Amino acid sequence: MGILVEVCGATAVVIGGWRSYAMAREALAPLAHDGDPTRTAIEAAQPLPMRPRVRLFARRAVLSIGWLIVSFYGLYLVVAGGEIAG
């Protein structure tokens, strides 16, 4: 039973870590580019929380943190599986 918990934990670490990295990369990518000047000018007139780029960044950052939590839970499962097995 302990080995099964360790394998599930290791899987959660790998998948959670990779998805967290991918979502963080997607969140930061639009900040690295200037974008279309016309769209930037139109969005500059909107309040900060209403800008699509800001909302998209916030959504992706929250998802990245969620995947990171899954990865940390996987680490917990690996340790708990070691206690069960050993």
PDB file of N, CA and C in Angstrom:
ATOM      1  N   MET A   1       0.821  -1.194   0.000  1.00  0.00           N
ATOM      2  CA  MET A   1       0.000   0.000   0.000  1.00  0.00           C
ATOM      3  C   MET A   1       0.866   1.260   0.000  1.00  0.00           C
ATOM      4  N   GLY A   2       1.978   1.224   0.741  1.00  0.00           N
ATOM      5  CA  GLY A   2       2.858   2.380   0.808  1.00  0.00           C
ATOM      6  C   GLY A   2       3.493   2.714  -0.534  1.00  0.00           C
ATOM      7  N   ILE A   3       3.836   1.677  -1.290  1.00  0.00           N
ATOM      8  CA  ILE A   3       4.449   1.901  -2.606  1.00  0.00           C
ATOM      9  C   ILE A   3       3.444   2.549  -3.551  1.00  0.00           C
ATOM     10  N   LEU A   4       2.198   2.139  -3.474  1.00  0.00           N
ATOM     11  CA  LEU A   4       1.159   2.739  -4.318  1.00  0.00           C
ATOM     12  C   LEU A   4       0.991   4.221  -3.987  1.00  0.00           C
ATOM     13  N   VAL A   5       1.007   4.560  -2.709  1.00  0.00           N
ATOM     14  CA  VAL A   5       0.888   5.956  -2.299  1.00  0.00           C
ATOM     15  C   VAL A   5       2.101   6.752  -2.783  1.00  0.00           C
ATOM     16  N   GLU A   6       3.295   6.160  -2.710  1.00  0.00           N
ATOM     17  CA  GLU A   6       4.498   6.837  -3.185  1.00  0.00           C
ATOM     18  C   GLU A   6       4.450   7.074  -4.689  1.00  0.00           C
ATOM     19  N   VAL A   7       3.986   6.088  -5.440  1.00  0.00           N
ATOM     20  CA  VAL A   7       3.892   6.238  -6.894  1.00  0.00           C
ATOM     21  C   VAL A   7       2.870   7.317  -7.254  1.00  0.00           C
ATOM     22  N   CYS A   8       1.734   7.328  -6.586  1.00  0.00           N
ATOM     23  CA  CYS A   8       0.727   8.372  -6.829  1.00  0.00           C
ATOM     24  C   CYS A   8       1.277   9.751  -6.469  1.00  0.00           C
ATOM     25  N   GLY A   9       2.020   9.812  -5.382  1.00  0.00           N
ATOM     26  CA  GLY A   9       2.626  11.076  -4.982  1.00  0.00           C
ATOM     27  C   GLY A   9       3.660  11.552  -5.976  1.00  0.00           C
ATOM     28  N   ALA A  10       4.492  10.645  -6.454  1.00  0.00           N
ATOM     29  CA  ALA A  10       5.503  11.017  -7.439  1.00  0.00           C
ATOM     30  C   ALA A  10       4.852  11.487  -8.738  1.00  0.00           C
ATOM     31  N   THR A  11       3.771  10.836  -9.119  1.00  0.00           N
ATOM     32  CA  THR A  11       3.040  11.262 -10.310  1.00  0.00           C
ATOM     33  C   THR A  11       2.463  12.660 -10.123  1.00  0.00           C
ATOM     34  N   ALA A  12       1.907  12.917  -8.962  1.00  0.00           N
ATOM     35  CA  ALA A  12       1.358  14.252  -8.681  1.00  0.00           C
ATOM     36  C   ALA A  12       2.452  15.313  -8.678  1.00  0.00           C
ATOM     37  N   VAL A  13       3.636  14.966  -8.176  1.00  0.00           N
ATOM     38  CA  VAL A  13       4.752  15.922  -8.168  1.00  0.00           C
ATOM     39  C   VAL A  13       5.151  16.282  -9.590  1.00  0.00           C
ATOM     40  N   VAL A  14       5.302  15.272 -10.433  1.00  0.00           N
ATOM     41  CA  VAL A  14       5.747  15.514 -11.806  1.00  0.00           C
ATOM     42  C   VAL A  14       4.698  16.289 -12.591  1.00  0.00           C
ATOM     43  N   ILE A  15       3.455  15.823 -12.553  1.00  0.00           N
ATOM     44  CA  ILE A  15       2.405  16.487 -13.327  1.00  0.00           C
ATOM     45  C   ILE A  15       2.124  17.877 -12.773  1.00  0.00           C
ATOM     46  N   GLY A  16       2.020  18.022 -11.464  1.00  0.00           N
ATOM     47  CA  GLY A  16       1.758  19.321 -10.859  1.00  0.00           C
ATOM     48  C   GLY A  16       2.879  20.308 -11.101  1.00  0.00           C
ATOM     49  N   GLY A  17       4.110  19.847 -10.997  1.00  0.00           N
ATOM     50  CA  GLY A  17       5.246  20.735 -11.245  1.00  0.00           C
ATOM     51  C   GLY A  17       5.315  21.199 -12.685  1.00  0.00           C
ATOM     52  N   TRP A  18       5.085  20.267 -13.612  1.00  0.00           N
ATOM     53  CA  TRP A  18       5.137  20.627 -15.025  1.00  0.00           C
ATOM     54  C   TRP A  18       4.007  21.582 -15.395  1.00  0.00           C
ATOM     55  N   ARG A  19       2.795  21.301 -14.951  1.00  0.00           N
ATOM     56  CA  ARG A  19       1.663  22.184 -15.284  1.00  0.00           C
ATOM     57  C   ARG A  19       1.829  23.553 -14.621  1.00  0.00           C
ATOM     58  N   SER A  20       2.379  23.593 -13.423  1.00  0.00           N
ATOM     59  CA  SER A  20       2.624  24.867 -12.764  1.00  0.00           C
ATOM     60  C   SER A  20       3.614  25.701 -13.564  1.00  0.00           C
ATOM     61  N   TYR A  21       4.681  25.064 -14.020  1.00  0.00           N
ATOM     62  CA  TYR A  21       5.671  25.762 -14.835  1.00  0.00           C
ATOM     63  C   TYR A  21       5.048  26.264 -16.139  1.00  0.00           C
ATOM     64  N   ALA A  22       4.264  25.413 -16.784  1.00  0.00           N
ATOM     65  CA  ALA A  22       3.649  25.797 -18.055  1.00  0.00           C
ATOM     66  C   ALA A  22       2.672  26.963 -17.879  1.00  0.00           C
ATOM     67  N   MET A  23       1.888  26.943 -16.808  1.00  0.00           N
ATOM     68  CA  MET A  23       0.933  28.035 -16.587  1.00  0.00           C
ATOM     69  C   MET A  23       1.652  29.335 -16.223  1.00  0.00           C
ATOM     70  N   ALA A  24       2.722  29.244 -15.458  1.00  0.00           N
ATOM     71  CA  ALA A  24       3.487  30.447 -15.125  1.00  0.00           C
ATOM     72  C   ALA A  24       4.126  31.029 -16.379  1.00  0.00           C
ATOM     73  N   ARG A  25       4.611  30.170 -17.253  1.00  0.00           N
ATOM     74  CA  ARG A  25       5.194  30.635 -18.505  1.00  0.00           C
ATOM     75  C   ARG A  25       4.140  31.318 -19.366  1.00  0.00           C
ATOM     76  N   GLU A  26       2.935  30.759 -19.439  1.00  0.00           N
ATOM     77  CA  GLU A  26       1.845  31.373 -20.197  1.00  0.00           C
ATOM     78  C   GLU A  26       1.419  32.703 -19.582  1.00  0.00           C
ATOM     79  N   ALA A  27       1.480  32.799 -18.261  1.00  0.00           N
ATOM     80  CA  ALA A  27       1.075  34.043 -17.598  1.00  0.00           C
ATOM     81  C   ALA A  27       2.068  35.167 -17.876  1.00  0.00           C
ATOM     82  N   LEU A  28       3.350  34.831 -17.926  1.00  0.00           N
ATOM     83  CA  LEU A  28       4.375  35.856 -18.099  1.00  0.00           C
ATOM     84  C   LEU A  28       4.663  36.202 -19.557  1.00  0.00           C
ATOM     85  N   ALA A  29       4.293  35.343 -20.494  1.00  0.00           N
ATOM     86  CA  ALA A  29       4.592  35.575 -21.907  1.00  0.00           C
ATOM     87  C   ALA A  29       3.996  36.885 -22.444  1.00  0.00           C
ATOM     88  N   PRO A  30       2.734  37.227 -22.172  1.00  0.00           N
ATOM     89  CA  PRO A  30       2.209  38.480 -22.706  1.00  0.00           C
ATOM     90  C   PRO A  30       2.904  39.721 -22.138  1.00  0.00           C
ATOM     91  N   LEU A  31       3.509  39.600 -20.971  1.00  0.00           N
ATOM     92  CA  LEU A  31       4.205  40.747 -20.394  1.00  0.00           C
ATOM     93  C   LEU A  31       5.535  41.013 -21.083  1.00  0.00           C
ATOM     94  N   ALA A  32       6.059  40.022 -21.779  1.00  0.00           N
ATOM     95  CA  ALA A  32       7.346  40.171 -22.457  1.00  0.00           C
ATOM     96  C   ALA A  32       7.208  40.842 -23.820  1.00  0.00           C
ATOM     97  N   HIS A  33       6.010  40.876 -24.375  1.00  0.00           N
ATOM     98  CA  HIS A  33       5.782  41.450 -25.695  1.00  0.00           C
ATOM     99  C   HIS A  33       5.008  42.759 -25.570  1.00  0.00           C
ATOM    100  N   ASP A  34       5.269  43.679 -26.477  1.00  0.00           N
ATOM    101  CA  ASP A  34       4.569  44.961 -26.455  1.00  0.00           C
ATOM    102  C   ASP A  34       3.127  44.834 -26.910  1.00  0.00           C
ATOM    103  N   GLY A  35       2.874  43.977 -27.872  1.00  0.00           N
ATOM    104  CA  GLY A  35       1.524  43.797 -28.362  1.00  0.00           C
ATOM    105  C   GLY A  35       1.162  44.827 -29.412  1.00  0.00           C
ATOM    106  N   ASP A  36      -0.086  44.809 -29.835  1.00  0.00           N
ATOM    107  CA  ASP A  36      -0.582  45.723 -30.858  1.00  0.00           C
ATOM    108  C   ASP A  36      -0.712  47.128 -30.272  1.00  0.00           C
ATOM    109  N   PRO A  37      -0.144  48.166 -30.902  1.00  0.00           N
ATOM    110  CA  PRO A  37      -0.203  49.516 -30.331  1.00  0.00           C
ATOM    111  C   PRO A  37      -1.625  50.055 -30.179  1.00  0.00           C
ATOM    112  N   THR A  38      -2.505  49.725 -31.140  1.00  0.00           N
ATOM    113  CA  THR A  38      -3.885  50.218 -31.053  1.00  0.00           C
ATOM    114  C   THR A  38      -4.604  49.583 -29.875  1.00  0.00           C
ATOM    115  N   ARG A  39      -4.449  48.288 -29.725  1.00  0.00           N
ATOM    116  CA  ARG A  39      -5.100  47.589 -28.616  1.00  0.00           C
ATOM    117  C   ARG A  39      -4.546  48.081 -27.278  1.00  0.00           C
ATOM    118  N   THR A  40      -3.243  48.300 -27.218  1.00  0.00           N
ATOM    119  CA  THR A  40      -2.626  48.793 -25.996  1.00  0.00           C
ATOM    120  C   THR A  40      -3.184  50.160 -25.618  1.00  0.00           C
ATOM    121  N   ALA A  41      -3.383  51.028 -26.615  1.00  0.00           N
ATOM    122  CA  ALA A  41      -3.932  52.360 -26.350  1.00  0.00           C
ATOM    123  C   ALA A  41      -5.375  52.283 -25.854  1.00  0.00           C
ATOM    124  N   ILE A  42      -6.150  51.382 -26.430  1.00  0.00           N
ATOM    125  CA  ILE A  42      -7.550  51.224 -26.003  1.00  0.00           C
ATOM    126  C   ILE A  42      -7.609  50.669 -24.589  1.00  0.00           C
ATOM    127  N   GLU A  43      -6.779  49.668 -24.295  1.00  0.00           N
ATOM    128  CA  GLU A  43      -6.787  49.079 -22.962  1.00  0.00           C
ATOM    129  C   GLU A  43      -6.248  50.035 -21.901  1.00  0.00           C
ATOM    130  N   ALA A  44      -5.398  50.971 -22.297  1.00  0.00           N
ATOM    131  CA  ALA A  44      -4.840  51.921 -21.335  1.00  0.00           C
ATOM    132  C   ALA A  44      -5.910  52.855 -20.781  1.00  0.00           C
ATOM    133  N   ALA A  45      -7.003  53.024 -21.517  1.00  0.00           N
ATOM    134  CA  ALA A  45      -8.081  53.888 -21.053  1.00  0.00           C
ATOM    135  C   ALA A  45      -8.976  53.197 -20.026  1.00  0.00           C
ATOM    136  N   GLN A  46      -8.877  51.882 -19.919  1.00  0.00           N
ATOM    137  CA  GLN A  46      -9.715  51.134 -18.984  1.00  0.00           C
ATOM    138  C   GLN A  46      -9.064  51.097 -17.609  1.00  0.00           C
ATOM    139  N   PRO A  47      -9.889  50.935 -16.566  1.00  0.00           N
ATOM    140  CA  PRO A  47      -9.302  50.745 -15.231  1.00  0.00           C
ATOM    141  C   PRO A  47      -8.459  49.466 -15.200  1.00  0.00           C
ATOM    142  N   LEU A  48      -7.472  49.437 -14.352  1.00  0.00           N
ATOM    143  CA  LEU A  48      -6.519  48.325 -14.308  1.00  0.00           C
ATOM    144  C   LEU A  48      -7.177  46.951 -14.140  1.00  0.00           C
ATOM    145  N   PRO A  49      -8.149  46.775 -13.223  1.00  0.00           N
ATOM    146  CA  PRO A  49      -8.739  45.428 -13.070  1.00  0.00           C
ATOM    147  C   PRO A  49      -9.592  44.983 -14.262  1.00  0.00           C
ATOM    148  N   MET A  50      -9.980  45.914 -15.115  1.00  0.00           N
ATOM    149  CA  MET A  50     -10.848  45.564 -16.246  1.00  0.00           C
ATOM    150  C   MET A  50     -10.072  45.255 -17.513  1.00  0.00           C
ATOM    151  N   ARG A  51      -8.772  45.415 -17.495  1.00  0.00           N
ATOM    152  CA  ARG A  51      -7.975  45.158 -18.688  1.00  0.00           C
ATOM    153  C   ARG A  51      -7.847  43.654 -18.911  1.00  0.00           C
ATOM    154  N   PRO A  52      -8.086  43.212 -20.156  1.00  0.00           N
ATOM    155  CA  PRO A  52      -8.033  41.764 -20.430  1.00  0.00           C
ATOM    156  C   PRO A  52      -6.676  41.134 -20.119  1.00  0.00           C
ATOM    157  N   ARG A  53      -5.594  41.831 -20.386  1.00  0.00           N
ATOM    158  CA  ARG A  53      -4.279  41.257 -20.112  1.00  0.00           C
ATOM    159  C   ARG A  53      -4.061  41.048 -18.619  1.00  0.00           C
ATOM    160  N   VAL A  54      -4.553  41.955 -17.811  1.00  0.00           N
ATOM    161  CA  VAL A  54      -4.395  41.832 -16.361  1.00  0.00           C
ATOM    162  C   VAL A  54      -5.222  40.661 -15.845  1.00  0.00           C
ATOM    163  N   ARG A  55      -6.454  40.559 -16.319  1.00  0.00           N
ATOM    164  CA  ARG A  55      -7.312  39.449 -15.891  1.00  0.00           C
ATOM    165  C   ARG A  55      -6.746  38.104 -16.337  1.00  0.00           C
ATOM    166  N   LEU A  56      -6.225  38.049 -17.560  1.00  0.00           N
ATOM    167  CA  LEU A  56      -5.641  36.811 -18.057  1.00  0.00           C
ATOM    168  C   LEU A  56      -4.401  36.426 -17.244  1.00  0.00           C
ATOM    169  N   PHE A  57      -3.570  37.413 -16.917  1.00  0.00           N
ATOM    170  CA  PHE A  57      -2.399  37.149 -16.087  1.00  0.00           C
ATOM    171  C   PHE A  57      -2.812  36.621 -14.717  1.00  0.00           C
ATOM    172  N   ALA A  58      -3.797  37.265 -14.100  1.00  0.00           N
ATOM    173  CA  ALA A  58      -4.240  36.843 -12.769  1.00  0.00           C
ATOM    174  C   ALA A  58      -4.812  35.426 -12.803  1.00  0.00           C
ATOM    175  N   ARG A  59      -5.606  35.132 -13.816  1.00  0.00           N
ATOM    176  CA  ARG A  59      -6.203  33.796 -13.929  1.00  0.00           C
ATOM    177  C   ARG A  59      -5.126  32.724 -14.080  1.00  0.00           C
ATOM    178  N   ARG A  60      -4.166  32.992 -14.948  1.00  0.00           N
ATOM    179  CA  ARG A  60      -3.107  32.004 -15.166  1.00  0.00           C
ATOM    180  C   ARG A  60      -2.196  31.872 -13.957  1.00  0.00           C
ATOM    181  N   ALA A  61      -1.943  32.966 -13.264  1.00  0.00           N
ATOM    182  CA  ALA A  61      -1.100  32.910 -12.064  1.00  0.00           C
ATOM    183  C   ALA A  61      -1.786  32.091 -10.969  1.00  0.00           C
ATOM    184  N   VAL A  62      -3.083  32.257 -10.806  1.00  0.00           N
ATOM    185  CA  VAL A  62      -3.823  31.480  -9.807  1.00  0.00           C
ATOM    186  C   VAL A  62      -3.813  29.994 -10.172  1.00  0.00           C
ATOM    187  N   LEU A  63      -3.992  29.681 -11.444  1.00  0.00           N
ATOM    188  CA  LEU A  63      -3.934  28.279 -11.870  1.00  0.00           C
ATOM    189  C   LEU A  63      -2.548  27.692 -11.655  1.00  0.00           C
ATOM    190  N   SER A  64      -1.519  28.482 -11.900  1.00  0.00           N
ATOM    191  CA  SER A  64      -0.152  28.013 -11.662  1.00  0.00           C
ATOM    192  C   SER A  64       0.074  27.683 -10.189  1.00  0.00           C
ATOM    193  N   ILE A  65      -0.418  28.523  -9.310  1.00  0.00           N
ATOM    194  CA  ILE A  65      -0.289  28.267  -7.876  1.00  0.00           C
ATOM    195  C   ILE A  65      -1.101  27.033  -7.476  1.00  0.00           C
ATOM    196  N   GLY A  66      -2.258  26.860  -8.087  1.00  0.00           N
ATOM    197  CA  GLY A  66      -3.063  25.657  -7.815  1.00  0.00           C
ATOM    198  C   GLY A  66      -2.325  24.382  -8.198  1.00  0.00           C
ATOM    199  N   TRP A  67      -1.685  24.379  -9.363  1.00  0.00           N
ATOM    200  CA  TRP A  67      -0.901  23.215  -9.762  1.00  0.00           C
ATOM    201  C   TRP A  67       0.294  23.014  -8.850  1.00  0.00           C
ATOM    202  N   LEU A  68       0.870  24.097  -8.349  1.00  0.00           N
ATOM    203  CA  LEU A  68       1.985  23.979  -7.414  1.00  0.00           C
ATOM    204  C   LEU A  68       1.526  23.335  -6.100  1.00  0.00           C
ATOM    205  N   ILE A  69       0.312  23.652  -5.683  1.00  0.00           N
ATOM    206  CA  ILE A  69      -0.253  23.021  -4.484  1.00  0.00           C
ATOM    207  C   ILE A  69      -0.433  21.522  -4.705  1.00  0.00           C
ATOM    208  N   VAL A  70      -0.885  21.137  -5.908  1.00  0.00           N
ATOM    209  CA  VAL A  70      -1.008  19.712  -6.238  1.00  0.00           C
ATOM    210  C   VAL A  70       0.357  19.036  -6.150  1.00  0.00           C
ATOM    211  N   SER A  71       1.383  19.717  -6.641  1.00  0.00           N
ATOM    212  CA  SER A  71       2.735  19.159  -6.585  1.00  0.00           C
ATOM    213  C   SER A  71       3.212  18.986  -5.140  1.00  0.00           C
ATOM    214  N   PHE A  72       2.938  19.980  -4.291  1.00  0.00           N
ATOM    215  CA  PHE A  72       3.332  19.860  -2.884  1.00  0.00           C
ATOM    216  C   PHE A  72       2.556  18.750  -2.177  1.00  0.00           C
ATOM    217  N   TYR A  73       1.308  18.557  -2.549  1.00  0.00           N
ATOM    218  CA  TYR A  73       0.546  17.449  -1.979  1.00  0.00           C
ATOM    219  C   TYR A  73       1.154  16.116  -2.410  1.00  0.00           C
ATOM    220  N   GLY A  74       1.646  16.073  -3.640  1.00  0.00           N
ATOM    221  CA  GLY A  74       2.341  14.873  -4.099  1.00  0.00           C
ATOM    222  C   GLY A  74       3.583  14.586  -3.271  1.00  0.00           C
ATOM    223  N   LEU A  75       4.314  15.645  -2.899  1.00  0.00           N
ATOM    224  CA  LEU A  75       5.470  15.452  -2.016  1.00  0.00           C
ATOM    225  C   LEU A  75       5.045  14.885  -0.668  1.00  0.00           C
ATOM    226  N   TYR A  76       3.931  15.376  -0.164  1.00  0.00           N
ATOM    227  CA  TYR A  76       3.401  14.846   1.088  1.00  0.00           C
ATOM    228  C   TYR A  76       3.060  13.360   0.953  1.00  0.00           C
ATOM    229  N   LEU A  77       2.454  12.996  -0.178  1.00  0.00           N
ATOM    230  CA  LEU A  77       2.096  11.585  -0.396  1.00  0.00           C
ATOM    231  C   LEU A  77       3.339  10.699  -0.474  1.00  0.00           C
ATOM    232  N   VAL A  78       4.410  11.215  -1.072  1.00  0.00           N
ATOM    233  CA  VAL A  78       5.642  10.436  -1.149  1.00  0.00           C
ATOM    234  C   VAL A  78       6.184  10.173   0.249  1.00  0.00           C
ATOM    235  N   VAL A  79       6.188  11.201   1.091  1.00  0.00           N
ATOM    236  CA  VAL A  79       6.680  11.036   2.469  1.00  0.00           C
ATOM    237  C   VAL A  79       5.751  10.108   3.254  1.00  0.00           C
ATOM    238  N   ALA A  80       4.447  10.295   3.112  1.00  0.00           N
ATOM    239  CA  ALA A  80       3.499   9.449   3.844  1.00  0.00           C
ATOM    240  C   ALA A  80       3.598   7.999   3.373  1.00  0.00           C
ATOM    241  N   GLY A  81       3.799   7.798   2.083  1.00  0.00           N
ATOM    242  CA  GLY A  81       3.961   6.442   1.574  1.00  0.00           C
ATOM    243  C   GLY A  81       5.225   5.779   2.102  1.00  0.00           C
ATOM    244  N   GLY A  82       6.275   6.569   2.290  1.00  0.00           N
ATOM    245  CA  GLY A  82       7.501   6.042   2.883  1.00  0.00           C
ATOM    246  C   GLY A  82       7.308   5.627   4.318  1.00  0.00           C
ATOM    247  N   GLU A  83       6.507   6.370   5.043  1.00  0.00           N
ATOM    248  CA  GLU A  83       6.208   6.008   6.443  1.00  0.00           C
ATOM    249  C   GLU A  83       5.376   4.730   6.513  1.00  0.00           C
ATOM    250  N   ILE A  84       4.454   4.591   5.575  1.00  0.00           N
ATOM    251  CA  ILE A  84       3.612   3.376   5.562  1.00  0.00           C
ATOM    252  C   ILE A  84       4.443   2.158   5.188  1.00  0.00           C
ATOM    253  N   ALA A  85       5.278   2.316   4.189  1.00  0.00           N
ATOM    254  CA  ALA A  85       6.069   1.179   3.699  1.00  0.00           C
ATOM    255  C   ALA A  85       7.224   0.829   4.628  1.00  0.00           C
ATOM    256  N   GLY A  86       7.771   1.848   5.279  1.00  0.00           N
ATOM    257  CA  GLY A  86       8.988   1.579   6.039  1.00  0.00           C
ATOM    258  C   GLY A  86       8.782   1.496   7.481  1.00  0.00           C
TER     259      GLY A  86
END
